[in-house]
Amino acid sequence: MSSETTMREVDLSIAGELSIYRADELKRALIEPLAQGVRLVVNLAGVTEFDTCGLQLLMLAKRTAAALGSELQLVGHSPAVLEVFELLNVAAFFGDHLVIAPGHQ
């Protein structure tokens, strides 16, 4: 996981698991920037495992952003993330455009 901060935007790249095993660490990384009123851009391209706990963290971050007047944007959805989003039909909740790579089914 790496992050880069600019004046009013934080870019966060998550690599590896976005799952229950990293929930505490990732919750802090997602919520703390939003509490500062910035735009948080989360790159999910490096996510290799994604479970419902990871999905709940992203949903919490989206709700937190709305409640605090911040913004959350998800980008670079990995195949693991796309699979769960499609299975649970939650893409509309986040309001982000999903770019599905050619050949992904």
Foldseek 3Di string as FASTA:
>chain_A
DDWDDDDQEIEAEDAEALDPVCLVVVLCVLQVSLLVQGEYEYEDQRYPAYDVSSVVSVLVSCVSNVVSVHHYHYDNHHLNRVVVCVVVVCPVVNVYDDDDDPPRD
